[in-house]
PDB file of N, CA and C in Angstrom:
ATOM      1  N   MET A   1      81.305 -36.580  20.361  1.00  0.00           N
ATOM      2  CA  MET A   1      79.752 -36.755  19.733  1.00  0.00           C
ATOM      3  C   MET A   1      79.010 -35.842  20.775  1.00  0.00           C
ATOM      4  N   HIS A   2      78.058 -35.928  20.542  1.00  0.00           N
ATOM      5  CA  HIS A   2      76.591 -35.521  20.992  1.00  0.00           C
ATOM      6  C   HIS A   2      75.279 -36.810  20.615  1.00  0.00           C
ATOM      7  N   THR A   3      74.987 -36.413  21.971  1.00  0.00           N
ATOM      8  CA  THR A   3      74.089 -37.596  21.858  1.00  0.00           C
ATOM      9  C   THR A   3      73.140 -37.829  21.089  1.00  0.00           C
ATOM     10  N   PHE A   4      72.027 -38.261  21.386  1.00  0.00           N
ATOM     11  CA  PHE A   4      71.065 -38.043  20.062  1.00  0.00           C
ATOM     12  C   PHE A   4      70.220 -36.866  20.300  1.00  0.00           C
ATOM     13  N   THR A   5      69.773 -37.524  21.278  1.00  0.00           N
ATOM     14  CA  THR A   5      68.818 -36.178  22.773  1.00  0.00           C
ATOM     15  C   THR A   5      68.964 -34.869  22.470  1.00  0.00           C
ATOM     16  N   GLU A   6      71.171 -34.442  22.256  1.00  0.00           N
ATOM     17  CA  GLU A   6      71.049 -32.998  22.478  1.00  0.00           C
ATOM     18  C   GLU A   6      71.038 -32.549  21.105  1.00  0.00           C
ATOM     19  N   LYS A   7      71.619 -33.016  19.733  1.00  0.00           N
ATOM     20  CA  LYS A   7      71.408 -32.928  18.417  1.00  0.00           C
ATOM     21  C   LYS A   7      70.026 -32.824  18.176  1.00  0.00           C
ATOM     22  N   ALA A   8      68.728 -33.870  19.321  1.00  0.00           N
ATOM     23  CA  ALA A   8      67.497 -33.858  18.854  1.00  0.00           C
ATOM     24  C   ALA A   8      67.070 -32.125  19.541  1.00  0.00           C
ATOM     25  N   LEU A   9      68.053 -31.764  20.788  1.00  0.00           N
ATOM     26  CA  LEU A   9      66.999 -30.456  21.171  1.00  0.00           C
ATOM     27  C   LEU A   9      67.800 -29.246  20.080  1.00  0.00           C
ATOM     28  N   THR A  10      69.132 -29.387  19.320  1.00  0.00           N
ATOM     29  CA  THR A  10      69.415 -28.233  18.490  1.00  0.00           C
ATOM     30  C   THR A  10      68.765 -28.245  17.599  1.00  0.00           C
ATOM     31  N   VAL A  11      68.373 -29.463  16.997  1.00  0.00           N
ATOM     32  CA  VAL A  11      67.545 -29.237  15.910  1.00  0.00           C
ATOM     33  C   VAL A  11      66.278 -28.346  16.235  1.00  0.00           C
ATOM     34  N   ILE A  12      65.020 -29.127  16.852  1.00  0.00           N
ATOM     35  CA  ILE A  12      63.833 -28.071  17.927  1.00  0.00           C
ATOM     36  C   ILE A  12      64.706 -27.256  17.437  1.00  0.00           C
ATOM     37  N   ARG A  13      65.652 -26.252  17.798  1.00  0.00           N
ATOM     38  CA  ARG A  13      65.376 -24.912  18.729  1.00  0.00           C
ATOM     39  C   ARG A  13      65.586 -24.416  18.116  1.00  0.00           C
ATOM     40  N   GLU A  14      66.020 -24.730  16.929  1.00  0.00           N
ATOM     41  CA  GLU A  14      66.410 -24.222  15.169  1.00  0.00           C
ATOM     42  C   GLU A  14      65.357 -23.716  14.587  1.00  0.00           C
ATOM     43  N   ILE A  15      64.107 -24.403  15.057  1.00  0.00           N
ATOM     44  CA  ILE A  15      63.093 -24.268  13.329  1.00  0.00           C
ATOM     45  C   ILE A  15      61.831 -22.790  13.944  1.00  0.00           C
ATOM     46  N   PRO A  16      62.331 -21.632  12.814  1.00  0.00           N
ATOM     47  CA  PRO A  16      62.281 -20.611  13.014  1.00  0.00           C
ATOM     48  C   PRO A  16      60.302 -20.732  13.228  1.00  0.00           C
ATOM     49  N   PRO A  17      60.116 -19.901  13.943  1.00  0.00           N
ATOM     50  CA  PRO A  17      58.203 -19.120  13.808  1.00  0.00           C
ATOM     51  C   PRO A  17      57.946 -19.056  12.511  1.00  0.00           C
ATOM     52  N   GLY A  18      56.803 -20.201  12.655  1.00  0.00           N
ATOM     53  CA  GLY A  18      55.810 -19.649  11.290  1.00  0.00           C
ATOM     54  C   GLY A  18      56.165 -20.829  10.768  1.00  0.00           C
ATOM     55  N   LYS A  19      57.001 -21.677  10.678  1.00  0.00           N
ATOM     56  CA  LYS A  19      57.219 -23.069  10.458  1.00  0.00           C
ATOM     57  C   LYS A  19      57.000 -24.264  11.296  1.00  0.00           C
ATOM     58  N   ILE A  20      57.207 -25.940  10.301  1.00  0.00           N
ATOM     59  CA  ILE A  20      57.024 -26.832  11.278  1.00  0.00           C
ATOM     60  C   ILE A  20      58.127 -27.752  10.692  1.00  0.00           C
ATOM     61  N   MET A  21      57.631 -28.571  11.422  1.00  0.00           N
ATOM     62  CA  MET A  21      58.615 -29.977  11.053  1.00  0.00           C
ATOM     63  C   MET A  21      58.081 -31.350  11.785  1.00  0.00           C
ATOM     64  N   THR A  22      57.859 -32.529  11.163  1.00  0.00           N
ATOM     65  CA  THR A  22      57.794 -33.698  11.653  1.00  0.00           C
ATOM     66  C   THR A  22      58.244 -34.809  12.537  1.00  0.00           C
ATOM     67  N   TYR A  23      58.263 -34.989  13.723  1.00  0.00           N
ATOM     68  CA  TYR A  23      58.323 -35.733  14.769  1.00  0.00           C
ATOM     69  C   TYR A  23      59.669 -36.808  14.178  1.00  0.00           C
ATOM     70  N   GLY A  24      59.883 -37.930  12.763  1.00  0.00           N
ATOM     71  CA  GLY A  24      60.586 -37.891  11.981  1.00  0.00           C
ATOM     72  C   GLY A  24      61.858 -37.354  11.468  1.00  0.00           C
ATOM     73  N   GLN A  25      60.835 -36.056  10.706  1.00  0.00           N
ATOM     74  CA  GLN A  25      61.962 -35.398  10.270  1.00  0.00           C
ATOM     75  C   GLN A  25      63.402 -34.960  11.371  1.00  0.00           C
ATOM     76  N   VAL A  26      62.887 -34.380  12.152  1.00  0.00           N
ATOM     77  CA  VAL A  26      63.375 -34.210  13.329  1.00  0.00           C
ATOM     78  C   VAL A  26      64.056 -35.105  14.336  1.00  0.00           C
ATOM     79  N   ALA A  27      63.623 -36.511  14.097  1.00  0.00           N
ATOM     80  CA  ALA A  27      64.379 -37.578  14.534  1.00  0.00           C
ATOM     81  C   ALA A  27      65.788 -37.571  13.214  1.00  0.00           C
ATOM     82  N   ALA A  28      65.780 -38.033  12.029  1.00  0.00           N
ATOM     83  CA  ALA A  28      66.649 -37.858  11.298  1.00  0.00           C
ATOM     84  C   ALA A  28      67.393 -36.739  11.563  1.00  0.00           C
ATOM     85  N   MET A  29      67.305 -35.367  11.652  1.00  0.00           N
ATOM     86  CA  MET A  29      68.032 -34.707  10.802  1.00  0.00           C
ATOM     87  C   MET A  29      69.369 -34.430  12.899  1.00  0.00           C
ATOM     88  N   ALA A  30      68.430 -35.193  13.420  1.00  0.00           N
ATOM     89  CA  ALA A  30      69.259 -35.868  14.983  1.00  0.00           C
ATOM     90  C   ALA A  30      70.693 -37.172  14.472  1.00  0.00           C
ATOM     91  N   GLY A  31      69.931 -37.404  13.400  1.00  0.00           N
ATOM     92  CA  GLY A  31      70.565 -38.960  13.195  1.00  0.00           C
ATOM     93  C   GLY A  31      70.817 -40.572  13.488  1.00  0.00           C
ATOM     94  N   SER A  32      69.120 -39.995  13.838  1.00  0.00           N
ATOM     95  CA  SER A  32      68.678 -41.303  14.158  1.00  0.00           C
ATOM     96  C   SER A  32      67.459 -41.407  13.394  1.00  0.00           C
ATOM     97  N   PRO A  33      66.982 -41.348  11.616  1.00  0.00           N
ATOM     98  CA  PRO A  33      65.573 -41.487  11.246  1.00  0.00           C
ATOM     99  C   PRO A  33      64.085 -42.631  11.544  1.00  0.00           C
ATOM    100  N   ARG A  34      64.481 -43.455  12.234  1.00  0.00           N
ATOM    101  CA  ARG A  34      63.818 -44.719  13.179  1.00  0.00           C
ATOM    102  C   ARG A  34      63.270 -44.203  14.664  1.00  0.00           C
ATOM    103  N   ALA A  35      63.462 -42.469  15.383  1.00  0.00           N
ATOM    104  CA  ALA A  35      63.712 -42.299  16.806  1.00  0.00           C
ATOM    105  C   ALA A  35      62.717 -41.777  16.914  1.00  0.00           C
ATOM    106  N   ALA A  36      61.571 -40.792  15.937  1.00  0.00           N
ATOM    107  CA  ALA A  36      60.633 -40.327  15.997  1.00  0.00           C
ATOM    108  C   ALA A  36      59.625 -40.229  17.592  1.00  0.00           C
ATOM    109  N   ARG A  37      59.414 -41.514  17.564  1.00  0.00           N
ATOM    110  CA  ARG A  37      58.723 -42.021  19.628  1.00  0.00           C
ATOM    111  C   ARG A  37      59.805 -41.499  20.572  1.00  0.00           C
ATOM    112  N   GLN A  38      61.391 -41.281  19.917  1.00  0.00           N
ATOM    113  CA  GLN A  38      61.719 -40.593  20.794  1.00  0.00           C
ATOM    114  C   GLN A  38      61.718 -39.283  21.661  1.00  0.00           C
ATOM    115  N   VAL A  39      62.061 -38.958  19.380  1.00  0.00           N
ATOM    116  CA  VAL A  39      61.818 -37.067  19.949  1.00  0.00           C
ATOM    117  C   VAL A  39      60.517 -36.751  20.636  1.00  0.00           C
ATOM    118  N   THR A  40      58.789 -37.559  20.479  1.00  0.00           N
ATOM    119  CA  THR A  40      58.146 -37.539  21.606  1.00  0.00           C
ATOM    120  C   THR A  40      58.707 -37.276  22.411  1.00  0.00           C
ATOM    121  N   ARG A  41      59.209 -37.998  23.563  1.00  0.00           N
ATOM    122  CA  ARG A  41      59.454 -38.274  24.111  1.00  0.00           C
ATOM    123  C   ARG A  41      60.484 -37.370  25.496  1.00  0.00           C
ATOM    124  N   ILE A  42      61.478 -36.460  24.338  1.00  0.00           N
ATOM    125  CA  ILE A  42      61.955 -35.350  24.498  1.00  0.00           C
ATOM    126  C   ILE A  42      60.994 -34.259  25.053  1.00  0.00           C
ATOM    127  N   LEU A  43      60.582 -33.949  23.677  1.00  0.00           N
ATOM    128  CA  LEU A  43      59.211 -32.627  23.319  1.00  0.00           C
ATOM    129  C   LEU A  43      58.737 -33.251  25.358  1.00  0.00           C
ATOM    130  N   HIS A  44      57.849 -34.197  25.485  1.00  0.00           N
ATOM    131  CA  HIS A  44      56.902 -34.218  26.789  1.00  0.00           C
ATOM    132  C   HIS A  44      58.368 -34.163  27.974  1.00  0.00           C
ATOM    133  N   SER A  45      59.774 -34.705  27.793  1.00  0.00           N
ATOM    134  CA  SER A  45      59.986 -34.729  29.823  1.00  0.00           C
ATOM    135  C   SER A  45      60.971 -33.456  29.334  1.00  0.00           C
ATOM    136  N   MET A  46      60.579 -32.324  28.411  1.00  0.00           N
ATOM    137  CA  MET A  46      62.110 -31.678  28.024  1.00  0.00           C
ATOM    138  C   MET A  46      61.466 -30.037  27.593  1.00  0.00           C
ATOM    139  N   SER A  47      60.527 -29.811  27.059  1.00  0.00           N
ATOM    140  CA  SER A  47      59.896 -28.880  26.738  1.00  0.00           C
ATOM    141  C   SER A  47      59.848 -27.904  27.650  1.00  0.00           C
ATOM    142  N   SER A  48      59.672 -27.733  28.473  1.00  0.00           N
ATOM    143  CA  SER A  48      59.397 -26.805  29.747  1.00  0.00           C
ATOM    144  C   SER A  48      60.432 -26.255  30.527  1.00  0.00           C
ATOM    145  N   LYS A  49      61.570 -27.341  30.490  1.00  0.00           N
ATOM    146  CA  LYS A  49      62.879 -27.083  31.181  1.00  0.00           C
ATOM    147  C   LYS A  49      64.001 -26.119  29.941  1.00  0.00           C
ATOM    148  N   TYR A  50      63.800 -26.552  28.586  1.00  0.00           N
ATOM    149  CA  TYR A  50      65.065 -26.273  27.930  1.00  0.00           C
ATOM    150  C   TYR A  50      64.009 -24.918  26.769  1.00  0.00           C
ATOM    151  N   ASN A  51      62.803 -24.813  27.472  1.00  0.00           N
ATOM    152  CA  ASN A  51      62.069 -23.631  26.161  1.00  0.00           C
ATOM    153  C   ASN A  51      61.605 -24.031  25.319  1.00  0.00           C
ATOM    154  N   LEU A  52      60.984 -25.104  24.336  1.00  0.00           N
ATOM    155  CA  LEU A  52      61.235 -25.953  23.206  1.00  0.00           C
ATOM    156  C   LEU A  52      60.224 -25.208  22.560  1.00  0.00           C
ATOM    157  N   PRO A  53      60.531 -25.288  21.783  1.00  0.00           N
ATOM    158  CA  PRO A  53      58.913 -25.007  21.091  1.00  0.00           C
ATOM    159  C   PRO A  53      58.542 -26.198  20.218  1.00  0.00           C
ATOM    160  N   TRP A  54      58.082 -26.679  21.190  1.00  0.00           N
ATOM    161  CA  TRP A  54      57.201 -27.894  20.792  1.00  0.00           C
ATOM    162  C   TRP A  54      56.355 -27.721  19.798  1.00  0.00           C
ATOM    163  N   HIS A  55      55.322 -26.736  19.712  1.00  0.00           N
ATOM    164  CA  HIS A  55      53.804 -26.504  19.370  1.00  0.00           C
ATOM    165  C   HIS A  55      54.589 -26.417  18.070  1.00  0.00           C
ATOM    166  N   ARG A  56      55.712 -26.963  17.649  1.00  0.00           N
ATOM    167  CA  ARG A  56      56.457 -26.756  15.949  1.00  0.00           C
ATOM    168  C   ARG A  56      56.516 -28.082  15.752  1.00  0.00           C
ATOM    169  N   ILE A  57      56.549 -29.005  16.069  1.00  0.00           N
ATOM    170  CA  ILE A  57      56.008 -30.535  15.509  1.00  0.00           C
ATOM    171  C   ILE A  57      54.481 -31.255  15.860  1.00  0.00           C
ATOM    172  N   VAL A  58      55.317 -31.746  14.357  1.00  0.00           N
ATOM    173  CA  VAL A  58      53.399 -32.835  14.467  1.00  0.00           C
ATOM    174  C   VAL A  58      53.679 -33.913  13.468  1.00  0.00           C
ATOM    175  N   ASN A  59      52.925 -34.808  13.058  1.00  0.00           N
ATOM    176  CA  ASN A  59      52.895 -35.967  12.796  1.00  0.00           C
ATOM    177  C   ASN A  59      53.678 -36.210  11.373  1.00  0.00           C
ATOM    178  N   ILE A  60      54.134 -37.080  10.685  1.00  0.00           N
ATOM    179  CA  ILE A  60      54.011 -37.295   9.478  1.00  0.00           C
ATOM    180  C   ILE A  60      52.860 -37.042   8.399  1.00  0.00           C
ATOM    181  N   HIS A  61      52.113 -36.733   8.546  1.00  0.00           N
ATOM    182  CA  HIS A  61      51.140 -36.435   7.928  1.00  0.00           C
ATOM    183  C   HIS A  61      50.338 -35.012   7.781  1.00  0.00           C
ATOM    184  N   GLY A  62      51.463 -33.975   9.149  1.00  0.00           N
ATOM    185  CA  GLY A  62      50.970 -32.159   9.173  1.00  0.00           C
ATOM    186  C   GLY A  62      49.930 -32.518  10.077  1.00  0.00           C
ATOM    187  N   GLN A  63      49.886 -33.727  10.649  1.00  0.00           N
ATOM    188  CA  GLN A  63      48.457 -33.347  11.402  1.00  0.00           C
ATOM    189  C   GLN A  63      49.577 -32.451  13.435  1.00  0.00           C
ATOM    190  N   ILE A  64      48.402 -32.110  14.322  1.00  0.00           N
ATOM    191  CA  ILE A  64      48.427 -32.248  15.144  1.00  0.00           C
ATOM    192  C   ILE A  64      48.259 -33.928  15.813  1.00  0.00           C
ATOM    193  N   ALA A  65      49.263 -34.633  16.258  1.00  0.00           N
ATOM    194  CA  ALA A  65      49.019 -35.397  16.834  1.00  0.00           C
ATOM    195  C   ALA A  65      49.178 -35.662  18.738  1.00  0.00           C
ATOM    196  N   VAL A  66      49.162 -34.916  19.625  1.00  0.00           N
ATOM    197  CA  VAL A  66      48.867 -34.152  20.680  1.00  0.00           C
ATOM    198  C   VAL A  66      47.823 -34.957  21.246  1.00  0.00           C
ATOM    199  N   MET A  67      47.413 -35.234  22.260  1.00  0.00           N
ATOM    200  CA  MET A  67      45.919 -36.386  22.674  1.00  0.00           C
ATOM    201  C   MET A  67      45.096 -35.645  23.368  1.00  0.00           C
ATOM    202  N   ASP A  68      45.509 -34.728  24.257  1.00  0.00           N
ATOM    203  CA  ASP A  68      45.646 -33.921  25.539  1.00  0.00           C
ATOM    204  C   ASP A  68      44.645 -32.504  24.902  1.00  0.00           C
ATOM    205  N   GLU A  69      43.344 -32.716  24.787  1.00  0.00           N
ATOM    206  CA  GLU A  69      42.019 -31.594  24.646  1.00  0.00           C
ATOM    207  C   GLU A  69      42.891 -30.085  24.634  1.00  0.00           C
ATOM    208  N   GLU A  70      43.382 -29.559  25.945  1.00  0.00           N
ATOM    209  CA  GLU A  70      43.691 -28.647  26.141  1.00  0.00           C
ATOM    210  C   GLU A  70      45.247 -28.421  25.472  1.00  0.00           C
ATOM    211  N   SER A  71      46.351 -29.336  25.749  1.00  0.00           N
ATOM    212  CA  SER A  71      47.399 -28.848  24.406  1.00  0.00           C
ATOM    213  C   SER A  71      47.033 -29.105  23.341  1.00  0.00           C
ATOM    214  N   ARG A  72      45.865 -30.191  22.565  1.00  0.00           N
ATOM    215  CA  ARG A  72      45.868 -29.845  21.197  1.00  0.00           C
ATOM    216  C   ARG A  72      45.922 -28.297  20.798  1.00  0.00           C
ATOM    217  N   PHE A  73      44.278 -27.719  21.547  1.00  0.00           N
ATOM    218  CA  PHE A  73      44.098 -26.111  21.843  1.00  0.00           C
ATOM    219  C   PHE A  73      45.259 -25.524  21.300  1.00  0.00           C
ATOM    220  N   SER A  74      45.923 -25.496  22.743  1.00  0.00           N
ATOM    221  CA  SER A  74      47.093 -24.565  22.973  1.00  0.00           C
ATOM    222  C   SER A  74      48.346 -24.759  21.493  1.00  0.00           C
ATOM    223  N   GLN A  75      48.376 -25.627  20.958  1.00  0.00           N
ATOM    224  CA  GLN A  75      49.527 -26.154  20.137  1.00  0.00           C
ATOM    225  C   GLN A  75      49.230 -25.689  19.153  1.00  0.00           C
ATOM    226  N   ARG A  76      47.110 -25.160  18.717  1.00  0.00           N
ATOM    227  CA  ARG A  76      46.896 -24.862  17.140  1.00  0.00           C
ATOM    228  C   ARG A  76      46.876 -23.756  17.230  1.00  0.00           C
ATOM    229  N   LYS A  77      47.016 -22.871  18.863  1.00  0.00           N
ATOM    230  CA  LYS A  77      47.260 -20.910  18.622  1.00  0.00           C
ATOM    231  C   LYS A  77      48.355 -20.907  18.464  1.00  0.00           C
ATOM    232  N   LEU A  78      49.098 -21.512  19.137  1.00  0.00           N
ATOM    233  CA  LEU A  78      50.339 -21.326  19.269  1.00  0.00           C
ATOM    234  C   LEU A  78      51.106 -21.224  17.505  1.00  0.00           C
ATOM    235  N   LEU A  79      50.178 -22.268  16.830  1.00  0.00           N
ATOM    236  CA  LEU A  79      50.803 -22.268  15.194  1.00  0.00           C
ATOM    237  C   LEU A  79      49.845 -21.248  14.585  1.00  0.00           C
ATOM    238  N   LEU A  80      48.657 -20.857  15.116  1.00  0.00           N
ATOM    239  CA  LEU A  80      47.910 -19.514  14.240  1.00  0.00           C
ATOM    240  C   LEU A  80      48.746 -18.602  14.814  1.00  0.00           C
ATOM    241  N   ASP A  81      48.501 -18.144  16.262  1.00  0.00           N
ATOM    242  CA  ASP A  81      49.762 -17.413  16.298  1.00  0.00           C
ATOM    243  C   ASP A  81      50.479 -16.599  15.467  1.00  0.00           C
ATOM    244  N   GLU A  82      51.205 -17.942  14.768  1.00  0.00           N
ATOM    245  CA  GLU A  82      53.036 -17.442  14.316  1.00  0.00           C
ATOM    246  C   GLU A  82      52.352 -17.713  12.562  1.00  0.00           C
ATOM    247  N   GLY A  83      51.607 -16.959  12.469  1.00  0.00           N
ATOM    248  CA  GLY A  83      50.711 -17.631  10.714  1.00  0.00           C
ATOM    249  C   GLY A  83      51.052 -18.967  10.133  1.00  0.00           C
ATOM    250  N   VAL A  84      51.044 -20.209  10.693  1.00  0.00           N
ATOM    251  CA  VAL A  84      50.693 -21.035  10.328  1.00  0.00           C
ATOM    252  C   VAL A  84      49.658 -21.591  10.072  1.00  0.00           C
ATOM    253  N   GLU A  85      48.871 -21.642   8.742  1.00  0.00           N
ATOM    254  CA  GLU A  85      47.208 -22.302   8.452  1.00  0.00           C
ATOM    255  C   GLU A  85      47.063 -23.467   9.509  1.00  0.00           C
ATOM    256  N   VAL A  86      45.767 -23.696   9.968  1.00  0.00           N
ATOM    257  CA  VAL A  86      45.832 -25.280  10.840  1.00  0.00           C
ATOM    258  C   VAL A  86      44.302 -25.292  10.333  1.00  0.00           C
ATOM    259  N   ASP A  87      44.228 -26.683   9.571  1.00  0.00           N
ATOM    260  CA  ASP A  87      42.452 -26.572   8.576  1.00  0.00           C
ATOM    261  C   ASP A  87      41.392 -26.795  10.035  1.00  0.00           C
ATOM    262  N   GLN A  88      40.621 -27.616   9.821  1.00  0.00           N
ATOM    263  CA  GLN A  88      39.385 -27.840  11.460  1.00  0.00           C
ATOM    264  C   GLN A  88      39.576 -29.706  11.071  1.00  0.00           C
ATOM    265  N   ASN A  89      40.875 -30.531  10.405  1.00  0.00           N
ATOM    266  CA  ASN A  89      41.067 -31.643  11.471  1.00  0.00           C
ATOM    267  C   ASN A  89      42.441 -31.525  11.963  1.00  0.00           C
ATOM    268  N   ASP A  90      43.331 -30.256  12.359  1.00  0.00           N
ATOM    269  CA  ASP A  90      44.534 -29.980  12.939  1.00  0.00           C
ATOM    270  C   ASP A  90      44.889 -30.359  12.083  1.00  0.00           C
ATOM    271  N   ARG A  91      44.838 -30.532  10.339  1.00  0.00           N
ATOM    272  CA  ARG A  91      45.554 -30.892   9.902  1.00  0.00           C
ATOM    273  C   ARG A  91      46.878 -29.203   8.998  1.00  0.00           C
ATOM    274  N   ILE A  92      48.113 -29.906   8.112  1.00  0.00           N
ATOM    275  CA  ILE A  92      48.994 -28.321   8.215  1.00  0.00           C
ATOM    276  C   ILE A  92      49.948 -28.791   6.921  1.00  0.00           C
ATOM    277  N   ASP A  93      49.531 -27.655   5.663  1.00  0.00           N
ATOM    278  CA  ASP A  93      49.694 -28.403   4.348  1.00  0.00           C
ATOM    279  C   ASP A  93      51.632 -27.786   4.292  1.00  0.00           C
ATOM    280  N   LEU A  94      51.693 -29.106   4.569  1.00  0.00           N
ATOM    281  CA  LEU A  94      54.030 -29.692   4.885  1.00  0.00           C
ATOM    282  C   LEU A  94      53.804 -28.646   3.522  1.00  0.00           C
ATOM    283  N   THR A  95      53.604 -28.776   2.398  1.00  0.00           N
ATOM    284  CA  THR A  95      54.608 -28.020   1.027  1.00  0.00           C
ATOM    285  C   THR A  95      54.221 -26.627   1.603  1.00  0.00           C
ATOM    286  N   ARG A  96      53.677 -26.151   2.345  1.00  0.00           N
ATOM    287  CA  ARG A  96      53.774 -24.988   2.622  1.00  0.00           C
ATOM    288  C   ARG A  96      55.043 -24.571   4.332  1.00  0.00           C
ATOM    289  N   PHE A  97      54.355 -25.070   4.453  1.00  0.00           N
ATOM    290  CA  PHE A  97      55.200 -25.027   6.161  1.00  0.00           C
ATOM    291  C   PHE A  97      56.354 -26.190   6.678  1.00  0.00           C
ATOM    292  N   ARG A  98      56.377 -26.223   6.150  1.00  0.00           N
ATOM    293  CA  ARG A  98      57.122 -27.545   6.705  1.00  0.00           C
ATOM    294  C   ARG A  98      58.776 -26.790   6.437  1.00  0.00           C
ATOM    295  N   TYR A  99      59.456 -26.318   7.442  1.00  0.00           N
ATOM    296  CA  TYR A  99      61.098 -26.327   7.434  1.00  0.00           C
ATOM    297  C   TYR A  99      62.232 -27.308   6.979  1.00  0.00           C
ATOM    298  N   ASP A 100      63.071 -27.214   6.087  1.00  0.00           N
ATOM    299  CA  ASP A 100      64.227 -28.190   5.935  1.00  0.00           C
ATOM    300  C   ASP A 100      64.922 -27.349   6.067  1.00  0.00           C
ATOM    301  N   PRO A 101      65.540 -27.499   7.082  1.00  0.00           N
ATOM    302  CA  PRO A 101      66.366 -26.648   7.132  1.00  0.00           C
ATOM    303  C   PRO A 101      68.282 -26.751   5.973  1.00  0.00           C
ATOM    304  N   LYS A 102      68.078 -28.445   5.242  1.00  0.00           N
ATOM    305  CA  LYS A 102      68.515 -28.210   4.212  1.00  0.00           C
ATOM    306  C   LYS A 102      68.783 -27.356   3.266  1.00  0.00           C
ATOM    307  N   GLU A 103      66.974 -27.026   3.004  1.00  0.00           N
ATOM    308  CA  GLU A 103      66.213 -26.625   1.609  1.00  0.00           C
ATOM    309  C   GLU A 103      66.596 -25.327   2.000  1.00  0.00           C
ATOM    310  N   GLU A 104      66.861 -24.497   2.970  1.00  0.00           N
ATOM    311  CA  GLU A 104      67.156 -23.208   4.029  1.00  0.00           C
ATOM    312  C   GLU A 104      67.884 -22.775   3.291  1.00  0.00           C
ATOM    313  N   GLU A 105      69.750 -23.682   3.293  1.00  0.00           N
ATOM    314  CA  GLU A 105      70.925 -23.333   3.573  1.00  0.00           C
ATOM    315  C   GLU A 105      71.022 -23.496   1.829  1.00  0.00           C
ATOM    316  N   LYS A 106      70.546 -24.537   0.931  1.00  0.00           N
ATOM    317  CA  LYS A 106      70.865 -23.940  -0.531  1.00  0.00           C
ATOM    318  C   LYS A 106      70.415 -23.007  -1.305  1.00  0.00           C
ATOM    319  N   ASN A 107      69.258 -22.345  -0.485  1.00  0.00           N
ATOM    320  CA  ASN A 107      67.976 -21.018  -0.707  1.00  0.00           C
ATOM    321  C   ASN A 107      69.344 -20.253  -0.561  1.00  0.00           C
ATOM    322  N   LYS A 108      69.704 -20.388   0.568  1.00  0.00           N
ATOM    323  CA  LYS A 108      71.219 -19.209   1.035  1.00  0.00           C
ATOM    324  C   LYS A 108      71.937 -18.831  -0.256  1.00  0.00           C
ATOM    325  N   ILE A 109      72.270 -19.495  -0.570  1.00  0.00           N
ATOM    326  CA  ILE A 109      73.921 -19.821  -1.263  1.00  0.00           C
ATOM    327  C   ILE A 109      73.321 -20.007  -2.916  1.00  0.00           C
ATOM    328  N   ASP A 110      72.539 -19.903  -2.931  1.00  0.00           N
ATOM    329  CA  ASP A 110      71.200 -19.493  -4.570  1.00  0.00           C
ATOM    330  C   ASP A 110      71.701 -17.814  -4.703  1.00  0.00           C
TER     331      ASP A 110
END
């Protein structure tokens, strides 16, 4: 059995360019819906080591939640470079850009 961290790393790696997921969504997909803060810790401590697309993770409101100004700017730029629209309040339309692996799989079958 994989640990939560291993599962979360897999979920994060599978987010395609131009799509985003929320911290809670990653936690739920990794098997622990209440572990959104753990996803934050994983991103903070492992993004560089595992070359994770950390910039594709936002809060439940679709907003960039990074407090550090430089990292916030970097996340915004990386998302814009992938075609994700970010408004002046650092919000992203979840209905347009949220990645849902289950929905993607269903669309492949249809």
